[in-house]
């Protein structure tokens, strides 16, 4: 399984961010049925400040992730980031393996 994590940095205006994120961005992202949004009281165990929002998407494999990112829905989701994520976003992809 390949997991994509999208960590949205702390915005200056959390109310405006949340409004746009949940009313506009999520409906775009939800066109991918694997999108699961985690939101709540996040805390950082070590390092810098905790992200404001974390989105988690799981795919069967890296090819499926690449296909989703390259699809019209994936492109629209990525293009929308500039409309609300001015504080920045970190996107991580990794393969899940048992230890």
C-alpha atoms as a PDB file:
ATOM      1  CA  UNK A   1       0.000   0.000   0.000  1.00  0.00           C
ATOM      2  CA  UNK A   2       1.173   3.528  -0.766  1.00  0.00           C
ATOM      3  CA  UNK A   3       0.116   6.358   1.522  1.00  0.00           C
ATOM      4  CA  UNK A   4       0.014  10.055   0.652  1.00  0.00           C
ATOM      5  CA  UNK A   5       0.062  12.508   3.548  1.00  0.00           C
ATOM      6  CA  UNK A   6      -0.684  16.171   2.994  1.00  0.00           C
ATOM      7  CA  UNK A   7       0.352  18.363   5.921  1.00  0.00           C
ATOM      8  CA  UNK A   8      -1.099  21.863   5.785  1.00  0.00           C
ATOM      9  CA  UNK A   9       1.015  24.363   7.717  1.00  0.00           C
ATOM     10  CA  UNK A  10      -0.581  26.677  10.274  1.00  0.00           C
ATOM     11  CA  UNK A  11      -2.397  29.470   8.388  1.00  0.00           C
ATOM     12  CA  UNK A  12      -2.540  33.062   9.585  1.00  0.00           C
ATOM     13  CA  UNK A  13      -6.355  32.950   9.438  1.00  0.00           C
ATOM     14  CA  UNK A  14      -7.547  29.505  10.522  1.00  0.00           C
ATOM     15  CA  UNK A  15     -11.238  30.397  10.132  1.00  0.00           C
ATOM     16  CA  UNK A  16     -10.806  31.413   6.485  1.00  0.00           C
ATOM     17  CA  UNK A  17      -8.604  28.374   5.832  1.00  0.00           C
ATOM     18  CA  UNK A  18     -11.115  25.961   7.354  1.00  0.00           C
ATOM     19  CA  UNK A  19     -14.036  27.519   5.513  1.00  0.00           C
ATOM     20  CA  UNK A  20     -12.337  27.231   2.133  1.00  0.00           C
ATOM     21  CA  UNK A  21     -10.765  23.849   2.874  1.00  0.00           C
ATOM     22  CA  UNK A  22     -13.962  22.125   3.968  1.00  0.00           C
ATOM     23  CA  UNK A  23     -16.443  23.888   1.661  1.00  0.00           C
ATOM     24  CA  UNK A  24     -14.373  24.065  -1.529  1.00  0.00           C
ATOM     25  CA  UNK A  25     -11.189  21.989  -1.484  1.00  0.00           C
ATOM     26  CA  UNK A  26     -12.517  18.815   0.106  1.00  0.00           C
ATOM     27  CA  UNK A  27     -15.337  18.390  -2.439  1.00  0.00           C
ATOM     28  CA  UNK A  28     -12.675  18.563  -5.161  1.00  0.00           C
ATOM     29  CA  UNK A  29     -10.411  16.074  -3.354  1.00  0.00           C
ATOM     30  CA  UNK A  30     -13.291  13.733  -2.476  1.00  0.00           C
ATOM     31  CA  UNK A  31     -13.655  12.888  -6.145  1.00  0.00           C
ATOM     32  CA  UNK A  32     -10.935  10.427  -5.170  1.00  0.00           C
ATOM     33  CA  UNK A  33     -12.834   7.921  -3.010  1.00  0.00           C
ATOM     34  CA  UNK A  34      -9.661   7.130  -1.039  1.00  0.00           C
ATOM     35  CA  UNK A  35      -9.463  10.580   0.545  1.00  0.00           C
ATOM     36  CA  UNK A  36      -9.762  10.645   4.321  1.00  0.00           C
ATOM     37  CA  UNK A  37      -9.353  13.935   6.140  1.00  0.00           C
ATOM     38  CA  UNK A  38      -7.988  14.023   9.657  1.00  0.00           C
ATOM     39  CA  UNK A  39      -8.722  17.243  11.520  1.00  0.00           C
ATOM     40  CA  UNK A  40      -8.684  18.067  15.163  1.00  0.00           C
ATOM     41  CA  UNK A  41      -6.285  18.806  17.953  1.00  0.00           C
ATOM     42  CA  UNK A  42      -2.927  17.907  16.473  1.00  0.00           C
ATOM     43  CA  UNK A  43       0.256  18.085  18.469  1.00  0.00           C
ATOM     44  CA  UNK A  44       3.837  17.661  17.436  1.00  0.00           C
ATOM     45  CA  UNK A  45       5.863  15.146  19.418  1.00  0.00           C
ATOM     46  CA  UNK A  46       9.194  16.550  18.227  1.00  0.00           C
ATOM     47  CA  UNK A  47      10.405  19.274  15.895  1.00  0.00           C
ATOM     48  CA  UNK A  48       8.475  22.268  14.674  1.00  0.00           C
ATOM     49  CA  UNK A  49       4.832  23.218  15.123  1.00  0.00           C
ATOM     50  CA  UNK A  50       2.087  20.704  14.349  1.00  0.00           C
ATOM     51  CA  UNK A  51       0.324  21.055  11.019  1.00  0.00           C
ATOM     52  CA  UNK A  52      -3.141  22.605  11.027  1.00  0.00           C
ATOM     53  CA  UNK A  53      -4.719  19.823   8.953  1.00  0.00           C
ATOM     54  CA  UNK A  54      -3.507  16.434   7.768  1.00  0.00           C
ATOM     55  CA  UNK A  55      -5.102  14.700   4.798  1.00  0.00           C
ATOM     56  CA  UNK A  56      -4.399  11.007   4.298  1.00  0.00           C
ATOM     57  CA  UNK A  57      -4.977   9.091   1.081  1.00  0.00           C
ATOM     58  CA  UNK A  58      -4.200   5.399   0.624  1.00  0.00           C
ATOM     59  CA  UNK A  59      -3.547   3.680  -2.683  1.00  0.00           C
ATOM     60  CA  UNK A  60      -2.950   0.038  -3.534  1.00  0.00           C
ATOM     61  CA  UNK A  61       0.478   0.878  -4.970  1.00  0.00           C
ATOM     62  CA  UNK A  62       2.688   3.708  -6.271  1.00  0.00           C
ATOM     63  CA  UNK A  63       1.339   3.365  -9.815  1.00  0.00           C
ATOM     64  CA  UNK A  64      -2.197   3.959  -8.585  1.00  0.00           C
ATOM     65  CA  UNK A  65      -0.997   7.055  -6.722  1.00  0.00           C
ATOM     66  CA  UNK A  66       0.739   8.379  -9.837  1.00  0.00           C
ATOM     67  CA  UNK A  67      -2.371   7.752 -11.933  1.00  0.00           C
ATOM     68  CA  UNK A  68      -4.541   9.564  -9.377  1.00  0.00           C
ATOM     69  CA  UNK A  69      -2.152  12.548  -9.209  1.00  0.00           C
ATOM     70  CA  UNK A  70      -2.068  12.767 -13.013  1.00  0.00           C
ATOM     71  CA  UNK A  71      -5.835  12.462 -13.461  1.00  0.00           C
ATOM     72  CA  UNK A  72      -7.968  15.546 -14.133  1.00  0.00           C
ATOM     73  CA  UNK A  73      -9.319  15.306 -10.548  1.00  0.00           C
ATOM     74  CA  UNK A  74      -5.804  15.032  -9.126  1.00  0.00           C
ATOM     75  CA  UNK A  75      -4.600  17.961 -11.192  1.00  0.00           C
ATOM     76  CA  UNK A  76      -7.584  20.078 -10.088  1.00  0.00           C
ATOM     77  CA  UNK A  77      -6.903  19.216  -6.436  1.00  0.00           C
ATOM     78  CA  UNK A  78      -3.245  20.207  -6.749  1.00  0.00           C
ATOM     79  CA  UNK A  79      -4.082  23.406  -8.641  1.00  0.00           C
ATOM     80  CA  UNK A  80      -6.498  24.457  -5.899  1.00  0.00           C
ATOM     81  CA  UNK A  81      -3.757  24.508  -3.217  1.00  0.00           C
ATOM     82  CA  UNK A  82      -2.688  28.021  -4.207  1.00  0.00           C
ATOM     83  CA  UNK A  83      -6.180  29.299  -3.436  1.00  0.00           C
ATOM     84  CA  UNK A  84      -5.992  28.668   0.306  1.00  0.00           C
ATOM     85  CA  UNK A  85      -2.703  27.090   1.480  1.00  0.00           C
ATOM     86  CA  UNK A  86      -0.567  30.237   1.541  1.00  0.00           C
ATOM     87  CA  UNK A  87       1.211  29.079   4.720  1.00  0.00           C
ATOM     88  CA  UNK A  88       2.551  26.106   2.804  1.00  0.00           C
ATOM     89  CA  UNK A  89       1.931  22.423   2.469  1.00  0.00           C
ATOM     90  CA  UNK A  90       4.168  19.380   2.744  1.00  0.00           C
ATOM     91  CA  UNK A  91       3.209  16.322   0.695  1.00  0.00           C
ATOM     92  CA  UNK A  92       4.734  12.964   1.569  1.00  0.00           C
ATOM     93  CA  UNK A  93       4.310   9.627  -0.169  1.00  0.00           C
ATOM     94  CA  UNK A  94       5.593   6.331   1.153  1.00  0.00           C
ATOM     95  CA  UNK A  95       5.077   2.600   0.832  1.00  0.00           C
ATOM     96  CA  UNK A  96       3.715   0.915   3.934  1.00  0.00           C
ATOM     97  CA  UNK A  97       5.646  -2.169   4.978  1.00  0.00           C
ATOM     98  CA  UNK A  98       5.564  -4.355   8.036  1.00  0.00           C
ATOM     99  CA  UNK A  99       8.583  -4.056  10.308  1.00  0.00           C
END
